[in-house]
Each structure stands twice: as C-alpha cells, then as structure tokens.
C-alpha cells in the first residue's frame, strides 16, 4: 500500500559514496536522516491506515484516527478510537480554551469542516511518538465551499496545524491542537 516509501533502503547513488574516502560520515548521516524522514512524512488517505516497523500502539491508534475519523467524520470509528469524553485543549495565544467533546461531536465537527472545505488532501509532515503521546503536524489542502466567516468562493486553501494526542487503553482521551487561524483567514478574504 505504501510502496517503497517505508522500505529501509538507500536512495539511488547513496551507498556507493560510503566507500569513498572522506565522505563516509556525511553519507551515513544522510542515510539515517533519509530513514527518519521516510517514516515521519506521509499523505493520509481516507480509510487507509499507514503502518511502519516499530509503530507503537499509541501511534497506531492516532494513525487509524487520522485515516478513519479526521478525514471522514465517520462517527462509528470515532466511538471506537476515542474515549466517551475527550478533552480538547485549543492552544491559542490570546484565549486558550479547553472543551470536552464526545466522539459523535468530534465526528460532526469534521463533517462540518468537510461541508465548508470539501474533501481535502491531508499530508502529515511530522509524526512523533513518546509513550502515550503522539505529536502530528500536518498540511491540508482543499477548496473553499460555503465559508460562513467571510466571502466564499471555489478557490484553493492551504492550512497547517499540529496536535498532540494522548492515548490511554487504546483510545484518544485528550489532545492539544494548534491551527494557523490567521493564515487561513488571510486566504479566505483574498
């Protein structure tokens, strides 16, 4: 499903340089960096759960959540992957806010977003796991449909954000989200 993206092999032409004097250290560092980037950056496709070697249980829950809930608003998947009550910390400079949502409320939120922006491409640019916490940074690209916060049009929008998800007993129980609201707002009024 992911082709050579997750295959731990060197990019063409890299390994022969390891034998050349003076470049072994640099080539080895490039090889390590290439392996790390291959796991951290990927596009999420609806219903297709990305997997890789060494994936922790918390990482698997979040990857499945991204593919089956965050991109679709599928309520049954939300109920399976999220606790009955999820604490959502909206991390913003001027007015941080903490909400409590149910899986069905989160699914409805995603469905509203799909109604506004249509289906969008969701590219994870960083995916890090430590114990029960999973950090995800993303870039999503879609089109404005019926934006109720400004003049709507069918123009393309590009949005970035990040979240830290806390997983407990196989379910997301809490997350901290940061979104580029100013960048999105600027695109909507152009």
N, C-alpha and C. Protein backbone atom coordinates (compact mmCIF):
# COMPACT_ATOMS: atom_id res chain seq x y z
N UNK A 1 0.81 -1.19 0.00
CA UNK A 1 0.00 0.00 0.00
C UNK A 1 0.85 1.25 0.00
N UNK A 2 2.02 1.24 0.63
CA UNK A 2 2.86 2.43 0.68
C UNK A 2 4.08 2.31 -0.22
N UNK A 3 4.18 1.20 -0.95
CA UNK A 3 5.27 1.03 -1.89
C UNK A 3 6.62 1.13 -1.22
N UNK A 4 7.56 1.74 -1.92
CA UNK A 4 8.92 1.85 -1.40
C UNK A 4 9.09 2.92 -0.34
N UNK A 5 8.02 3.65 -0.02
CA UNK A 5 8.14 4.74 0.94
C UNK A 5 8.66 4.26 2.28
N UNK A 6 8.24 3.08 2.71
CA UNK A 6 8.64 2.59 4.04
C UNK A 6 9.78 1.59 3.95
N UNK A 7 10.26 1.29 2.73
CA UNK A 7 11.33 0.32 2.58
C UNK A 7 12.65 0.92 3.05
N UNK A 8 13.31 0.28 4.02
CA UNK A 8 14.56 0.83 4.53
C UNK A 8 15.72 0.54 3.58
N UNK A 9 15.78 1.26 2.49
CA UNK A 9 16.90 1.14 1.56
C UNK A 9 17.40 2.54 1.24
N UNK A 10 18.63 2.61 0.80
CA UNK A 10 19.23 3.91 0.50
C UNK A 10 18.71 4.43 -0.84
N UNK A 11 18.58 5.74 -0.96
CA UNK A 11 18.24 6.33 -2.26
C UNK A 11 19.32 5.98 -3.27
N UNK A 12 18.95 5.89 -4.54
CA UNK A 12 19.92 5.54 -5.58
C UNK A 12 21.16 6.43 -5.51
N UNK A 13 22.32 5.79 -5.61
CA UNK A 13 23.58 6.52 -5.65
C UNK A 13 24.16 6.85 -4.30
N UNK A 14 23.47 6.58 -3.20
CA UNK A 14 23.99 6.97 -1.90
C UNK A 14 25.00 5.96 -1.36
N UNK A 15 24.70 4.67 -1.43
CA UNK A 15 25.58 3.67 -0.85
C UNK A 15 26.97 3.64 -1.48
N UNK A 16 27.12 3.78 -2.80
CA UNK A 16 28.49 3.78 -3.34
C UNK A 16 29.38 4.86 -2.74
N UNK A 17 28.81 5.98 -2.30
CA UNK A 17 29.64 7.04 -1.73
C UNK A 17 30.20 6.65 -0.38
N UNK A 18 29.61 5.63 0.28
CA UNK A 18 30.12 5.21 1.57
C UNK A 18 31.54 4.67 1.47
N UNK A 19 31.90 4.15 0.29
CA UNK A 19 33.23 3.58 0.12
C UNK A 19 34.27 4.63 -0.23
N UNK A 20 33.86 5.83 -0.54
CA UNK A 20 34.81 6.87 -0.93
C UNK A 20 35.41 7.52 0.31
N UNK A 21 36.72 7.74 0.32
CA UNK A 21 37.35 8.37 1.49
C UNK A 21 36.80 9.78 1.71
N UNK A 22 36.60 10.13 2.98
CA UNK A 22 36.21 11.48 3.34
C UNK A 22 34.72 11.77 3.31
N UNK A 23 33.94 10.87 2.75
CA UNK A 23 32.50 11.13 2.69
C UNK A 23 31.67 10.11 3.44
N UNK A 24 32.32 9.15 4.06
CA UNK A 24 31.57 8.09 4.75
C UNK A 24 30.68 8.64 5.85
N UNK A 25 31.20 9.57 6.64
CA UNK A 25 30.41 10.11 7.75
C UNK A 25 29.21 10.87 7.23
N UNK A 26 29.41 11.72 6.23
CA UNK A 26 28.31 12.50 5.68
C UNK A 26 27.28 11.58 5.06
N UNK A 27 27.72 10.58 4.30
CA UNK A 27 26.78 9.66 3.67
C UNK A 27 26.01 8.87 4.70
N UNK A 28 26.66 8.45 5.76
CA UNK A 28 25.97 7.69 6.81
C UNK A 28 24.91 8.56 7.47
N UNK A 29 25.23 9.83 7.72
CA UNK A 29 24.25 10.74 8.31
C UNK A 29 23.08 10.93 7.36
N UNK A 30 23.34 11.09 6.07
CA UNK A 30 22.26 11.24 5.10
C UNK A 30 21.38 10.00 5.07
N UNK A 31 21.99 8.82 5.16
CA UNK A 31 21.22 7.59 5.15
C UNK A 31 20.30 7.53 6.37
N UNK A 32 20.81 7.86 7.54
CA UNK A 32 19.99 7.87 8.75
C UNK A 32 18.86 8.89 8.62
N UNK A 33 19.19 10.09 8.16
CA UNK A 33 18.17 11.13 8.01
C UNK A 33 17.10 10.70 7.01
N UNK A 34 17.51 10.03 5.94
CA UNK A 34 16.54 9.58 4.95
C UNK A 34 15.57 8.59 5.57
N UNK A 35 16.06 7.67 6.38
CA UNK A 35 15.19 6.68 7.02
C UNK A 35 14.19 7.36 7.95
N UNK A 36 14.64 8.32 8.74
CA UNK A 36 13.76 9.00 9.68
C UNK A 36 12.68 9.77 8.92
N UNK A 37 13.05 10.52 7.91
CA UNK A 37 12.07 11.32 7.16
C UNK A 37 11.04 10.43 6.48
N UNK A 38 11.43 9.25 6.04
CA UNK A 38 10.51 8.37 5.34
C UNK A 38 9.36 7.96 6.25
N UNK A 39 9.60 7.84 7.54
CA UNK A 39 8.56 7.44 8.47
C UNK A 39 7.75 8.64 8.94
N UNK A 40 8.35 9.79 9.01
CA UNK A 40 7.68 10.95 9.60
C UNK A 40 6.77 11.69 8.65
N UNK A 41 6.93 11.58 7.39
CA UNK A 41 6.18 12.38 6.43
C UNK A 41 5.43 11.46 5.47
N UNK A 42 4.11 11.64 5.39
CA UNK A 42 3.32 10.80 4.51
C UNK A 42 1.96 11.44 4.29
N UNK A 43 1.31 11.06 3.21
CA UNK A 43 -0.04 11.53 2.96
C UNK A 43 -1.01 10.51 3.53
N UNK A 44 -2.04 10.99 4.20
CA UNK A 44 -3.06 10.11 4.76
C UNK A 44 -4.20 10.01 3.74
N UNK A 45 -4.62 8.79 3.47
CA UNK A 45 -5.73 8.55 2.54
C UNK A 45 -6.91 8.00 3.33
N UNK A 46 -8.10 8.43 2.96
CA UNK A 46 -9.32 8.02 3.66
C UNK A 46 -9.42 6.51 3.75
N UNK A 47 -9.51 6.02 5.00
CA UNK A 47 -9.70 4.60 5.23
C UNK A 47 -8.46 3.73 5.11
N UNK A 48 -7.34 4.30 4.71
CA UNK A 48 -6.09 3.53 4.57
C UNK A 48 -5.18 3.90 5.73
N UNK A 49 -5.01 2.98 6.66
CA UNK A 49 -4.23 3.26 7.87
C UNK A 49 -2.75 3.04 7.57
N UNK A 50 -1.93 4.08 7.67
CA UNK A 50 -0.50 3.90 7.45
C UNK A 50 0.12 3.08 8.57
N UNK A 51 1.05 2.21 8.21
CA UNK A 51 1.76 1.40 9.20
C UNK A 51 3.23 1.34 8.83
N UNK A 52 4.07 1.18 9.84
CA UNK A 52 5.50 1.03 9.61
C UNK A 52 6.11 0.23 10.74
N UNK A 53 7.29 -0.31 10.49
CA UNK A 53 8.00 -1.08 11.50
C UNK A 53 8.27 -0.21 12.73
N UNK A 54 8.10 -0.79 13.90
CA UNK A 54 8.37 -0.07 15.14
C UNK A 54 7.25 0.84 15.60
N UNK A 55 6.11 0.77 14.95
CA UNK A 55 4.98 1.61 15.30
C UNK A 55 4.45 1.20 16.67
N UNK A 56 4.30 2.17 17.58
CA UNK A 56 3.79 1.88 18.91
C UNK A 56 2.27 1.74 18.87
N UNK A 57 1.68 1.14 19.89
CA UNK A 57 0.21 1.06 19.93
C UNK A 57 -0.45 2.45 19.89
N UNK A 58 0.11 3.42 20.60
CA UNK A 58 -0.45 4.78 20.57
C UNK A 58 -0.36 5.37 19.17
N UNK A 59 0.76 5.16 18.49
CA UNK A 59 0.91 5.66 17.12
C UNK A 59 -0.11 5.02 16.19
N UNK A 60 -0.37 3.74 16.37
CA UNK A 60 -1.34 3.07 15.53
C UNK A 60 -2.74 3.65 15.74
N UNK A 61 -3.11 3.91 16.99
CA UNK A 61 -4.43 4.50 17.27
C UNK A 61 -4.56 5.84 16.56
N UNK A 62 -3.54 6.69 16.66
CA UNK A 62 -3.62 8.02 16.06
C UNK A 62 -3.61 7.92 14.53
N UNK A 63 -2.79 7.05 13.97
CA UNK A 63 -2.76 6.89 12.51
C UNK A 63 -4.13 6.42 12.00
N UNK A 64 -4.74 5.47 12.72
CA UNK A 64 -6.06 4.99 12.33
C UNK A 64 -7.10 6.10 12.49
N UNK A 65 -6.99 6.88 13.55
CA UNK A 65 -7.88 8.02 13.78
C UNK A 65 -7.79 9.01 12.61
N UNK A 66 -6.58 9.34 12.19
CA UNK A 66 -6.42 10.28 11.08
C UNK A 66 -7.11 9.77 9.82
N UNK A 67 -6.91 8.49 9.50
CA UNK A 67 -7.43 7.92 8.25
C UNK A 67 -8.92 7.65 8.28
N UNK A 68 -9.46 7.33 9.47
CA UNK A 68 -10.87 6.91 9.50
C UNK A 68 -11.81 7.90 10.18
N UNK A 69 -11.26 8.90 10.87
CA UNK A 69 -12.12 9.89 11.54
C UNK A 69 -11.78 11.30 11.07
N UNK A 70 -10.54 11.71 11.20
CA UNK A 70 -10.13 13.09 10.90
C UNK A 70 -10.39 13.47 9.44
N UNK A 71 -10.31 12.49 8.54
CA UNK A 71 -10.55 12.77 7.13
C UNK A 71 -11.97 12.47 6.68
N UNK A 72 -12.75 11.78 7.50
CA UNK A 72 -14.06 11.33 7.04
C UNK A 72 -15.23 11.78 7.90
N UNK A 73 -15.00 12.00 9.19
CA UNK A 73 -16.10 12.30 10.09
C UNK A 73 -16.95 11.08 10.40
N UNK A 74 -16.37 9.90 10.26
CA UNK A 74 -17.09 8.65 10.48
C UNK A 74 -17.32 8.44 11.98
N UNK A 75 -18.57 8.54 12.42
CA UNK A 75 -18.90 8.52 13.84
C UNK A 75 -18.60 7.18 14.50
N UNK A 76 -18.86 6.07 13.84
CA UNK A 76 -18.61 4.76 14.45
C UNK A 76 -17.11 4.57 14.71
N UNK A 77 -16.27 5.01 13.79
CA UNK A 77 -14.82 4.93 14.00
C UNK A 77 -14.40 5.85 15.14
N UNK A 78 -15.01 7.03 15.22
CA UNK A 78 -14.70 7.95 16.31
C UNK A 78 -15.02 7.31 17.65
N UNK A 79 -16.17 6.64 17.75
CA UNK A 79 -16.54 5.98 19.01
C UNK A 79 -15.59 4.85 19.36
N UNK A 80 -15.03 4.18 18.35
CA UNK A 80 -14.11 3.07 18.59
C UNK A 80 -12.73 3.56 19.01
N UNK A 81 -12.30 4.73 18.51
CA UNK A 81 -10.93 5.21 18.72
C UNK A 81 -10.80 6.33 19.74
N UNK A 82 -11.93 6.87 20.20
CA UNK A 82 -11.90 7.98 21.14
C UNK A 82 -12.66 7.60 22.41
N UNK A 83 -12.22 8.15 23.53
CA UNK A 83 -12.90 7.93 24.80
C UNK A 83 -14.30 8.54 24.75
N UNK A 84 -15.14 8.18 25.70
CA UNK A 84 -16.50 8.72 25.74
C UNK A 84 -16.52 10.24 25.86
N UNK A 85 -15.51 10.79 26.54
CA UNK A 85 -15.34 12.24 26.67
C UNK A 85 -13.87 12.54 26.39
N UNK A 86 -13.62 13.44 25.45
CA UNK A 86 -12.25 13.80 25.06
C UNK A 86 -12.02 15.25 25.44
N UNK A 87 -10.93 15.50 26.12
CA UNK A 87 -10.57 16.88 26.48
C UNK A 87 -9.77 17.46 25.33
N UNK A 88 -10.25 18.57 24.78
CA UNK A 88 -9.60 19.25 23.65
C UNK A 88 -9.08 20.59 24.14
N UNK A 89 -7.76 20.73 24.13
CA UNK A 89 -7.12 22.00 24.50
C UNK A 89 -6.81 22.76 23.22
N UNK A 90 -7.50 23.87 23.00
CA UNK A 90 -7.23 24.71 21.84
C UNK A 90 -6.18 25.73 22.26
N UNK A 91 -4.97 25.51 21.76
CA UNK A 91 -3.82 26.30 22.19
C UNK A 91 -3.70 27.52 21.27
N UNK A 92 -4.15 28.67 21.77
CA UNK A 92 -4.03 29.93 21.04
C UNK A 92 -3.48 30.98 22.00
N UNK A 93 -2.72 31.91 21.49
CA UNK A 93 -2.05 32.90 22.33
C UNK A 93 -3.01 33.77 23.12
N UNK A 94 -4.02 34.28 22.43
CA UNK A 94 -4.86 35.30 23.06
C UNK A 94 -5.96 34.73 23.96
N UNK A 95 -6.40 33.51 23.71
CA UNK A 95 -7.51 32.98 24.51
C UNK A 95 -7.52 31.46 24.48
N UNK A 96 -6.59 30.83 25.19
CA UNK A 96 -6.62 29.35 25.22
C UNK A 96 -7.96 28.87 25.75
N UNK A 97 -8.40 27.74 25.22
CA UNK A 97 -9.71 27.24 25.58
C UNK A 97 -9.64 25.72 25.71
N UNK A 98 -10.37 25.17 26.67
CA UNK A 98 -10.47 23.73 26.82
C UNK A 98 -11.93 23.33 26.68
N UNK A 99 -12.17 22.40 25.75
CA UNK A 99 -13.51 21.90 25.51
C UNK A 99 -13.55 20.41 25.85
N UNK A 100 -14.71 19.91 26.13
CA UNK A 100 -14.90 18.47 26.27
C UNK A 100 -15.87 18.06 25.17
N UNK A 101 -15.43 17.08 24.37
CA UNK A 101 -16.24 16.62 23.25
C UNK A 101 -16.50 15.12 23.40
N UNK A 102 -17.58 14.68 22.80
CA UNK A 102 -17.84 13.25 22.66
C UNK A 102 -17.32 12.84 21.28
N UNK A 103 -17.14 11.55 21.04
CA UNK A 103 -16.75 11.12 19.69
C UNK A 103 -17.75 11.56 18.62
N UNK A 104 -19.04 11.50 18.93
CA UNK A 104 -20.03 11.94 17.95
C UNK A 104 -19.93 13.43 17.66
N UNK A 105 -19.64 14.24 18.68
CA UNK A 105 -19.46 15.68 18.46
C UNK A 105 -18.22 15.94 17.61
N UNK A 106 -17.15 15.18 17.86
CA UNK A 106 -15.95 15.36 17.04
C UNK A 106 -16.24 14.98 15.59
N UNK A 107 -16.94 13.86 15.37
CA UNK A 107 -17.29 13.44 14.01
C UNK A 107 -18.13 14.50 13.32
N UNK A 108 -19.09 15.10 14.04
CA UNK A 108 -19.92 16.16 13.47
C UNK A 108 -19.07 17.38 13.11
N UNK A 109 -18.09 17.69 13.95
CA UNK A 109 -17.16 18.80 13.68
C UNK A 109 -16.42 18.56 12.36
N UNK A 110 -15.95 17.35 12.15
CA UNK A 110 -15.24 17.02 10.90
C UNK A 110 -16.21 17.11 9.72
N UNK A 111 -17.42 16.63 9.89
CA UNK A 111 -18.40 16.71 8.81
C UNK A 111 -18.71 18.16 8.45
N UNK A 112 -18.77 19.05 9.45
CA UNK A 112 -18.94 20.48 9.18
C UNK A 112 -17.77 21.02 8.37
N UNK A 113 -16.56 20.61 8.76
CA UNK A 113 -15.36 21.05 8.05
C UNK A 113 -15.39 20.57 6.60
N UNK A 114 -15.83 19.34 6.38
CA UNK A 114 -15.94 18.81 5.01
C UNK A 114 -16.99 19.58 4.22
N UNK A 115 -18.06 20.00 4.89
CA UNK A 115 -19.08 20.80 4.22
C UNK A 115 -18.54 22.17 3.80
N UNK A 116 -17.66 22.71 4.62
CA UNK A 116 -17.07 24.02 4.32
C UNK A 116 -16.00 23.95 3.25
N UNK A 117 -15.11 23.00 3.38
CA UNK A 117 -13.92 22.94 2.53
C UNK A 117 -13.91 21.77 1.56
N UNK A 118 -14.90 20.91 1.61
CA UNK A 118 -14.90 19.74 0.73
C UNK A 118 -13.84 18.75 1.17
N UNK A 119 -13.68 17.71 0.36
CA UNK A 119 -12.62 16.74 0.65
C UNK A 119 -11.29 17.43 0.46
N UNK A 120 -10.35 17.12 1.32
CA UNK A 120 -9.05 17.76 1.25
C UNK A 120 -7.95 16.73 1.32
N UNK A 121 -6.79 17.12 0.82
CA UNK A 121 -5.59 16.27 0.95
C UNK A 121 -4.99 16.55 2.31
N UNK A 122 -4.56 15.51 2.97
CA UNK A 122 -4.03 15.62 4.33
C UNK A 122 -2.65 15.00 4.35
N UNK A 123 -1.64 15.87 4.45
CA UNK A 123 -0.24 15.40 4.43
C UNK A 123 0.37 15.60 5.81
N UNK A 124 0.78 14.53 6.44
CA UNK A 124 1.47 14.60 7.72
C UNK A 124 2.92 14.97 7.45
N UNK A 125 3.39 16.05 8.06
CA UNK A 125 4.77 16.49 7.86
C UNK A 125 5.68 16.11 9.03
N UNK A 126 5.08 15.66 10.12
CA UNK A 126 5.85 15.19 11.28
C UNK A 126 4.94 14.29 12.11
N UNK A 127 5.47 13.15 12.53
CA UNK A 127 4.71 12.20 13.33
C UNK A 127 5.67 11.59 14.34
N UNK A 128 5.56 12.00 15.59
CA UNK A 128 6.48 11.56 16.63
C UNK A 128 5.70 10.94 17.79
N UNK A 129 6.27 9.91 18.37
CA UNK A 129 5.60 9.22 19.48
C UNK A 129 6.54 9.11 20.67
N UNK A 130 6.00 9.39 21.84
CA UNK A 130 6.71 9.14 23.09
C UNK A 130 5.69 8.58 24.08
N UNK A 131 5.84 7.31 24.42
CA UNK A 131 4.94 6.62 25.35
C UNK A 131 3.50 6.78 24.86
N UNK A 132 2.65 7.44 25.65
CA UNK A 132 1.23 7.55 25.30
C UNK A 132 0.89 8.85 24.56
N UNK A 133 1.89 9.66 24.22
CA UNK A 133 1.67 10.92 23.50
C UNK A 133 2.15 10.78 22.05
N UNK A 134 1.35 11.31 21.13
CA UNK A 134 1.70 11.29 19.71
C UNK A 134 1.55 12.70 19.17
N UNK A 135 2.63 13.24 18.61
CA UNK A 135 2.63 14.56 18.00
C UNK A 135 2.44 14.41 16.50
N UNK A 136 1.51 15.17 15.93
CA UNK A 136 1.28 15.16 14.49
C UNK A 136 1.23 16.61 14.00
N UNK A 137 2.05 16.91 13.00
CA UNK A 137 1.95 18.22 12.32
C UNK A 137 1.49 17.91 10.90
N UNK A 138 0.58 18.74 10.37
CA UNK A 138 0.03 18.46 9.06
C UNK A 138 -0.12 19.70 8.22
N UNK A 139 -0.35 19.45 6.95
CA UNK A 139 -0.73 20.46 5.96
C UNK A 139 -1.90 19.85 5.20
N UNK A 140 -3.00 20.59 5.17
CA UNK A 140 -4.15 20.09 4.42
C UNK A 140 -4.51 21.09 3.34
N UNK A 141 -4.87 20.58 2.20
CA UNK A 141 -5.22 21.42 1.06
C UNK A 141 -6.62 21.07 0.59
N UNK A 142 -7.43 22.08 0.42
CA UNK A 142 -8.80 21.88 -0.03
C UNK A 142 -9.28 23.09 -0.80
N UNK A 143 -10.58 23.22 -0.91
CA UNK A 143 -11.18 24.35 -1.62
C UNK A 143 -12.29 24.94 -0.75
N UNK A 144 -12.38 26.24 -0.77
CA UNK A 144 -13.44 26.92 -0.03
C UNK A 144 -14.76 26.60 -0.73
N UNK A 145 -15.75 26.23 0.08
CA UNK A 145 -17.10 26.00 -0.45
C UNK A 145 -18.05 27.03 0.11
N UNK A 146 -18.59 26.78 1.29
CA UNK A 146 -19.61 27.65 1.88
C UNK A 146 -19.09 28.22 3.19
N UNK A 147 -18.07 29.03 3.09
CA UNK A 147 -17.46 29.58 4.30
C UNK A 147 -18.39 30.62 4.90
N UNK A 148 -18.75 30.44 6.15
CA UNK A 148 -19.67 31.38 6.78
C UNK A 148 -18.95 32.47 7.57
N UNK A 149 -17.60 32.48 7.47
CA UNK A 149 -16.84 33.50 8.20
C UNK A 149 -16.26 34.55 7.25
N UNK A 150 -16.71 34.59 6.05
CA UNK A 150 -16.20 35.55 5.10
C UNK A 150 -16.70 35.21 3.71
N UNK A 151 -16.24 35.96 2.73
CA UNK A 151 -16.73 35.71 1.38
C UNK A 151 -16.25 34.34 0.88
N UNK A 152 -17.19 33.52 0.43
CA UNK A 152 -16.86 32.18 -0.05
C UNK A 152 -16.59 32.18 -1.54
N UNK A 153 -15.81 31.24 -1.98
CA UNK A 153 -15.53 31.04 -3.40
C UNK A 153 -15.02 29.63 -3.57
N UNK A 154 -14.73 29.25 -4.77
CA UNK A 154 -14.22 27.91 -5.04
C UNK A 154 -12.70 27.92 -5.14
N UNK A 155 -12.05 28.80 -4.45
CA UNK A 155 -10.58 28.87 -4.55
C UNK A 155 -9.91 27.90 -3.59
N UNK A 156 -8.68 27.56 -3.93
CA UNK A 156 -7.90 26.62 -3.13
C UNK A 156 -7.45 27.28 -1.82
N UNK A 157 -7.41 26.49 -0.76
CA UNK A 157 -6.86 26.94 0.52
C UNK A 157 -5.88 25.88 1.02
N UNK A 158 -4.88 26.36 1.71
CA UNK A 158 -3.84 25.50 2.27
C UNK A 158 -3.76 25.84 3.76
N UNK A 159 -3.88 24.84 4.61
CA UNK A 159 -3.96 25.07 6.04
C UNK A 159 -2.94 24.19 6.75
N UNK A 160 -2.31 24.71 7.79
CA UNK A 160 -1.36 23.92 8.57
C UNK A 160 -1.82 23.89 10.03
N UNK A 161 -1.44 22.83 10.71
CA UNK A 161 -1.78 22.70 12.11
C UNK A 161 -0.98 21.58 12.74
N UNK A 162 -1.15 21.44 14.05
CA UNK A 162 -0.49 20.34 14.75
C UNK A 162 -1.31 19.98 15.98
N UNK A 163 -1.11 18.77 16.45
CA UNK A 163 -1.80 18.33 17.65
C UNK A 163 -0.94 17.30 18.37
N UNK A 164 -1.08 17.27 19.67
CA UNK A 164 -0.52 16.21 20.49
C UNK A 164 -1.70 15.43 21.02
N UNK A 165 -1.73 14.14 20.74
CA UNK A 165 -2.81 13.27 21.19
C UNK A 165 -2.30 12.41 22.34
N UNK A 166 -3.11 12.27 23.39
CA UNK A 166 -2.78 11.35 24.48
C UNK A 166 -3.70 10.15 24.38
N UNK A 167 -3.10 8.98 24.34
CA UNK A 167 -3.83 7.73 24.16
C UNK A 167 -3.78 6.94 25.46
N UNK A 168 -4.92 6.42 25.88
CA UNK A 168 -5.00 5.61 27.10
C UNK A 168 -5.90 4.40 26.81
N UNK A 169 -5.38 3.22 27.06
CA UNK A 169 -6.13 1.98 26.82
C UNK A 169 -6.70 1.92 25.40
N UNK A 170 -5.88 2.32 24.42
CA UNK A 170 -6.26 2.20 23.02
C UNK A 170 -7.23 3.24 22.50
N UNK A 171 -7.45 4.32 23.28
CA UNK A 171 -8.36 5.37 22.83
C UNK A 171 -7.75 6.75 23.08
N UNK A 172 -8.06 7.68 22.20
CA UNK A 172 -7.63 9.06 22.39
C UNK A 172 -8.47 9.65 23.50
N UNK A 173 -7.82 10.17 24.54
CA UNK A 173 -8.55 10.73 25.69
C UNK A 173 -8.39 12.24 25.81
N UNK A 174 -7.35 12.77 25.14
CA UNK A 174 -7.06 14.20 25.29
C UNK A 174 -6.19 14.62 24.12
N UNK A 175 -6.35 15.87 23.70
CA UNK A 175 -5.43 16.40 22.69
C UNK A 175 -5.29 17.91 22.80
N UNK A 176 -4.15 18.39 22.35
CA UNK A 176 -3.81 19.81 22.33
C UNK A 176 -3.62 20.16 20.86
N UNK A 177 -4.38 21.13 20.35
CA UNK A 177 -4.33 21.45 18.93
C UNK A 177 -3.95 22.91 18.73
N UNK A 178 -3.13 23.14 17.71
CA UNK A 178 -2.74 24.49 17.28
C UNK A 178 -3.01 24.58 15.79
N UNK A 179 -3.71 25.62 15.39
CA UNK A 179 -4.05 25.82 13.99
C UNK A 179 -3.61 27.21 13.54
N UNK A 180 -3.25 27.33 12.29
CA UNK A 180 -2.85 28.63 11.73
C UNK A 180 -4.11 29.39 11.30
N UNK A 181 -4.83 29.90 12.29
CA UNK A 181 -6.09 30.59 12.01
C UNK A 181 -5.87 31.85 11.19
N UNK A 182 -4.82 32.60 11.48
CA UNK A 182 -4.55 33.83 10.74
C UNK A 182 -4.24 33.54 9.27
N UNK A 183 -3.43 32.51 9.03
CA UNK A 183 -3.10 32.14 7.65
C UNK A 183 -4.33 31.70 6.87
N UNK A 184 -5.20 30.95 7.51
CA UNK A 184 -6.43 30.52 6.84
C UNK A 184 -7.35 31.72 6.58
N UNK A 185 -7.49 32.58 7.57
CA UNK A 185 -8.34 33.76 7.42
C UNK A 185 -7.86 34.65 6.28
N UNK A 186 -6.54 34.80 6.15
CA UNK A 186 -5.99 35.63 5.07
C UNK A 186 -6.33 35.05 3.71
N UNK A 187 -6.35 33.74 3.59
CA UNK A 187 -6.70 33.10 2.32
C UNK A 187 -8.17 33.26 2.00
N UNK A 188 -9.01 33.34 3.03
CA UNK A 188 -10.45 33.41 2.79
C UNK A 188 -10.91 34.79 2.35
N UNK A 189 -10.14 35.85 2.65
CA UNK A 189 -10.57 37.20 2.27
C UNK A 189 -9.83 37.75 1.06
N UNK A 190 -8.96 36.98 0.48
CA UNK A 190 -8.21 37.44 -0.71
C UNK A 190 -9.15 37.62 -1.89
